[in-house]
Amino acid sequence: MFEDLKEKAVTWRAGNGYTEKGGVIVFFQGEVQGWCNALRDPQHWQPGCLAVDQFGLVYQAVGGNAQDGANSWQIMLSL
């Protein structure tokens, strides 16, 4: 389900020198928005943003609103 997103994250990491830095790559509407060294501060991200860590785990910013940001990060399970 998230394979395209995971591929984009790996490609972005490789192209930008983040392959060994951990952290997460944050996406909004399928486009990379940036890298963070840790998954935190959901209020800085709009609900619906997705974050992919170096292990391929995917998290979604949930709750809140576009103006005030999300309330939390929730792990997404793909079967």
N, C-alpha and C. Protein backbone atom coordinates (compact mmCIF):
# COMPACT_ATOMS: atom_id res chain seq x y z
N MET A 1 0.81 -1.21 0.00
CA MET A 1 0.00 0.00 0.00
C MET A 1 0.86 1.27 0.00
N PHE A 2 1.95 1.25 0.73
CA PHE A 2 2.82 2.42 0.83
C PHE A 2 4.13 2.24 0.08
N GLU A 3 4.21 1.27 -0.79
CA GLU A 3 5.48 0.95 -1.45
C GLU A 3 6.04 2.11 -2.26
N ASP A 4 5.19 2.83 -3.00
CA ASP A 4 5.66 3.99 -3.78
C ASP A 4 6.26 5.05 -2.87
N LEU A 5 5.60 5.30 -1.75
CA LEU A 5 6.07 6.30 -0.80
C LEU A 5 7.42 5.88 -0.22
N LYS A 6 7.55 4.61 0.12
CA LYS A 6 8.81 4.11 0.67
C LYS A 6 9.93 4.23 -0.36
N GLU A 7 9.63 3.93 -1.62
CA GLU A 7 10.63 4.08 -2.68
C GLU A 7 11.06 5.54 -2.83
N LYS A 8 10.09 6.45 -2.80
CA LYS A 8 10.42 7.87 -2.89
C LYS A 8 11.31 8.30 -1.74
N ALA A 9 11.03 7.78 -0.54
CA ALA A 9 11.83 8.14 0.63
C ALA A 9 13.27 7.65 0.47
N VAL A 10 13.44 6.42 0.01
CA VAL A 10 14.78 5.86 -0.19
C VAL A 10 15.53 6.67 -1.25
N THR A 11 14.86 6.99 -2.34
CA THR A 11 15.49 7.77 -3.43
C THR A 11 15.87 9.16 -2.93
N TRP A 12 14.97 9.81 -2.18
CA TRP A 12 15.25 11.15 -1.66
C TRP A 12 16.44 11.11 -0.71
N ARG A 13 16.45 10.12 0.20
CA ARG A 13 17.58 9.99 1.13
C ARG A 13 18.90 9.86 0.38
N ALA A 14 18.93 8.98 -0.62
CA ALA A 14 20.15 8.75 -1.38
C ALA A 14 20.60 10.00 -2.14
N GLY A 15 19.65 10.71 -2.71
CA GLY A 15 19.98 11.89 -3.50
C GLY A 15 20.35 13.11 -2.69
N ASN A 16 20.02 13.09 -1.40
CA ASN A 16 20.26 14.26 -0.56
C ASN A 16 21.20 14.01 0.62
N GLY A 17 21.85 12.85 0.62
CA GLY A 17 22.85 12.57 1.66
C GLY A 17 22.27 12.20 3.01
N TYR A 18 21.10 11.59 3.06
CA TYR A 18 20.47 11.24 4.33
C TYR A 18 20.35 9.74 4.54
N THR A 19 21.14 8.93 3.83
CA THR A 19 20.99 7.48 3.95
C THR A 19 21.41 6.94 5.31
N GLU A 20 22.31 7.57 5.99
CA GLU A 20 22.79 7.08 7.29
C GLU A 20 22.41 8.01 8.44
N LYS A 21 21.42 8.86 8.25
CA LYS A 21 21.10 9.85 9.27
C LYS A 21 19.86 9.54 10.08
N GLY A 22 19.15 8.42 9.78
CA GLY A 22 17.94 8.09 10.54
C GLY A 22 16.85 9.10 10.26
N GLY A 23 16.05 9.38 11.26
CA GLY A 23 14.99 10.35 11.12
C GLY A 23 13.88 9.90 10.18
N VAL A 24 13.09 10.86 9.75
CA VAL A 24 11.95 10.58 8.87
C VAL A 24 11.91 11.55 7.71
N ILE A 25 11.38 11.07 6.60
CA ILE A 25 11.09 11.92 5.45
C ILE A 25 9.59 12.19 5.50
N VAL A 26 9.20 13.46 5.47
CA VAL A 26 7.78 13.83 5.57
C VAL A 26 7.25 14.19 4.19
N PHE A 27 6.07 13.65 3.88
CA PHE A 27 5.39 13.87 2.60
C PHE A 27 4.04 14.52 2.82
N PHE A 28 3.63 15.33 1.86
CA PHE A 28 2.26 15.83 1.82
C PHE A 28 1.78 15.69 0.38
N GLN A 29 0.67 15.02 0.22
CA GLN A 29 0.09 14.75 -1.10
C GLN A 29 1.12 14.14 -2.04
N GLY A 30 1.92 13.21 -1.49
CA GLY A 30 2.88 12.46 -2.29
C GLY A 30 4.19 13.15 -2.59
N GLU A 31 4.36 14.38 -2.14
CA GLU A 31 5.59 15.14 -2.40
C GLU A 31 6.39 15.31 -1.11
N VAL A 32 7.71 15.16 -1.23
CA VAL A 32 8.59 15.34 -0.07
C VAL A 32 8.51 16.78 0.41
N GLN A 33 8.31 16.92 1.72
CA GLN A 33 8.28 18.25 2.34
C GLN A 33 9.55 18.52 3.14
N GLY A 34 10.24 17.44 3.54
CA GLY A 34 11.47 17.64 4.28
C GLY A 34 11.85 16.43 5.11
N TRP A 35 12.95 16.58 5.83
CA TRP A 35 13.50 15.55 6.70
C TRP A 35 13.51 16.09 8.12
N CYS A 36 13.24 15.21 9.10
CA CYS A 36 13.35 15.54 10.52
C CYS A 36 14.15 14.44 11.19
N ASN A 37 14.99 14.79 12.14
CA ASN A 37 15.83 13.79 12.79
C ASN A 37 15.04 12.89 13.73
N ALA A 38 13.80 13.28 14.06
CA ALA A 38 12.94 12.47 14.92
C ALA A 38 11.48 12.80 14.58
N LEU A 39 10.62 11.85 14.82
CA LEU A 39 9.19 12.06 14.58
C LEU A 39 8.62 12.79 15.80
N ARG A 40 8.34 14.06 15.64
CA ARG A 40 7.84 14.89 16.76
C ARG A 40 7.08 16.07 16.18
N ASP A 41 6.56 16.90 17.04
CA ASP A 41 5.91 18.16 16.68
C ASP A 41 4.84 18.01 15.59
N PRO A 42 3.81 17.19 15.84
CA PRO A 42 2.77 17.02 14.81
C PRO A 42 2.08 18.33 14.48
N GLN A 43 2.07 19.27 15.41
CA GLN A 43 1.41 20.56 15.17
C GLN A 43 2.12 21.38 14.09
N HIS A 44 3.33 20.99 13.73
CA HIS A 44 4.05 21.67 12.65
C HIS A 44 3.68 21.14 11.28
N TRP A 45 2.85 20.10 11.25
CA TRP A 45 2.49 19.44 9.99
C TRP A 45 0.98 19.39 9.83
N GLN A 46 0.54 19.51 8.62
CA GLN A 46 -0.89 19.46 8.31
C GLN A 46 -1.40 18.02 8.46
N PRO A 47 -2.62 17.84 8.97
CA PRO A 47 -3.18 16.49 9.01
C PRO A 47 -3.14 15.86 7.62
N GLY A 48 -2.81 14.59 7.58
CA GLY A 48 -2.68 13.89 6.30
C GLY A 48 -1.25 13.74 5.83
N CYS A 49 -0.31 14.48 6.43
CA CYS A 49 1.09 14.28 6.09
C CYS A 49 1.50 12.86 6.48
N LEU A 50 2.39 12.29 5.70
CA LEU A 50 2.91 10.96 5.99
C LEU A 50 4.41 11.07 6.21
N ALA A 51 4.93 10.30 7.15
CA ALA A 51 6.36 10.28 7.45
C ALA A 51 6.86 8.85 7.32
N VAL A 52 8.01 8.68 6.67
CA VAL A 52 8.61 7.36 6.48
C VAL A 52 9.97 7.36 7.16
N ASP A 53 10.16 6.40 8.09
CA ASP A 53 11.46 6.34 8.77
C ASP A 53 12.44 5.47 7.99
N GLN A 54 13.67 5.33 8.50
CA GLN A 54 14.71 4.62 7.77
C GLN A 54 14.43 3.12 7.66
N PHE A 55 13.49 2.61 8.45
CA PHE A 55 13.14 1.19 8.40
C PHE A 55 11.93 0.93 7.50
N GLY A 56 11.35 2.00 6.95
CA GLY A 56 10.19 1.86 6.09
C GLY A 56 8.86 1.92 6.82
N LEU A 57 8.88 2.22 8.12
CA LEU A 57 7.62 2.40 8.85
C LEU A 57 6.99 3.72 8.43
N VAL A 58 5.67 3.72 8.28
CA VAL A 58 4.95 4.90 7.82
C VAL A 58 4.03 5.39 8.93
N TYR A 59 4.05 6.70 9.15
CA TYR A 59 3.23 7.35 10.16
C TYR A 59 2.40 8.43 9.49
N GLN A 60 1.20 8.69 10.03
CA GLN A 60 0.35 9.74 9.48
C GLN A 60 0.04 10.77 10.55
N ALA A 61 0.09 12.04 10.16
CA ALA A 61 -0.32 13.13 11.05
C ALA A 61 -1.85 13.14 11.08
N VAL A 62 -2.42 13.04 12.28
CA VAL A 62 -3.87 12.93 12.41
C VAL A 62 -4.42 13.96 13.40
N GLY A 63 -5.72 14.20 13.27
CA GLY A 63 -6.40 15.16 14.14
C GLY A 63 -6.04 16.58 13.78
N GLY A 64 -6.55 17.51 14.52
CA GLY A 64 -6.23 18.91 14.29
C GLY A 64 -6.84 19.44 13.00
N ASN A 65 -6.19 20.46 12.44
CA ASN A 65 -6.68 21.07 11.21
C ASN A 65 -5.50 21.71 10.46
N ALA A 66 -5.80 22.17 9.25
CA ALA A 66 -4.74 22.71 8.39
C ALA A 66 -4.09 23.95 9.00
N GLN A 67 -4.84 24.76 9.70
CA GLN A 67 -4.30 26.00 10.26
C GLN A 67 -3.44 25.75 11.50
N ASP A 68 -3.92 24.89 12.40
CA ASP A 68 -3.22 24.66 13.67
C ASP A 68 -2.31 23.44 13.67
N GLY A 69 -2.35 22.67 12.60
CA GLY A 69 -1.53 21.46 12.50
C GLY A 69 -2.22 20.25 13.10
N ALA A 70 -1.56 19.13 12.99
CA ALA A 70 -2.11 17.85 13.47
C ALA A 70 -1.96 17.75 14.99
N ASN A 71 -2.68 16.78 15.56
CA ASN A 71 -2.60 16.54 17.01
C ASN A 71 -1.57 15.48 17.37
N SER A 72 -1.37 14.50 16.49
CA SER A 72 -0.45 13.41 16.82
C SER A 72 -0.02 12.68 15.54
N TRP A 73 0.97 11.82 15.71
CA TRP A 73 1.41 10.92 14.65
C TRP A 73 0.87 9.53 14.97
N GLN A 74 0.35 8.84 13.98
CA GLN A 74 -0.21 7.50 14.15
C GLN A 74 0.50 6.56 13.18
N ILE A 75 0.96 5.41 13.68
CA ILE A 75 1.61 4.44 12.80
C ILE A 75 0.58 3.83 11.88
N MET A 76 0.96 3.67 10.63
CA MET A 76 0.06 3.08 9.62
C MET A 76 0.52 1.65 9.37
N LEU A 77 -0.38 0.73 9.46
CA LEU A 77 -0.05 -0.67 9.23
C LEU A 77 -0.51 -1.06 7.84
N SER A 78 0.40 -1.55 7.03
CA SER A 78 0.03 -2.03 5.70
C SER A 78 0.17 -3.54 5.69
N LEU A 79 -0.86 -4.22 5.28
CA LEU A 79 -0.87 -5.68 5.27
C LEU A 79 -0.62 -6.21 3.88
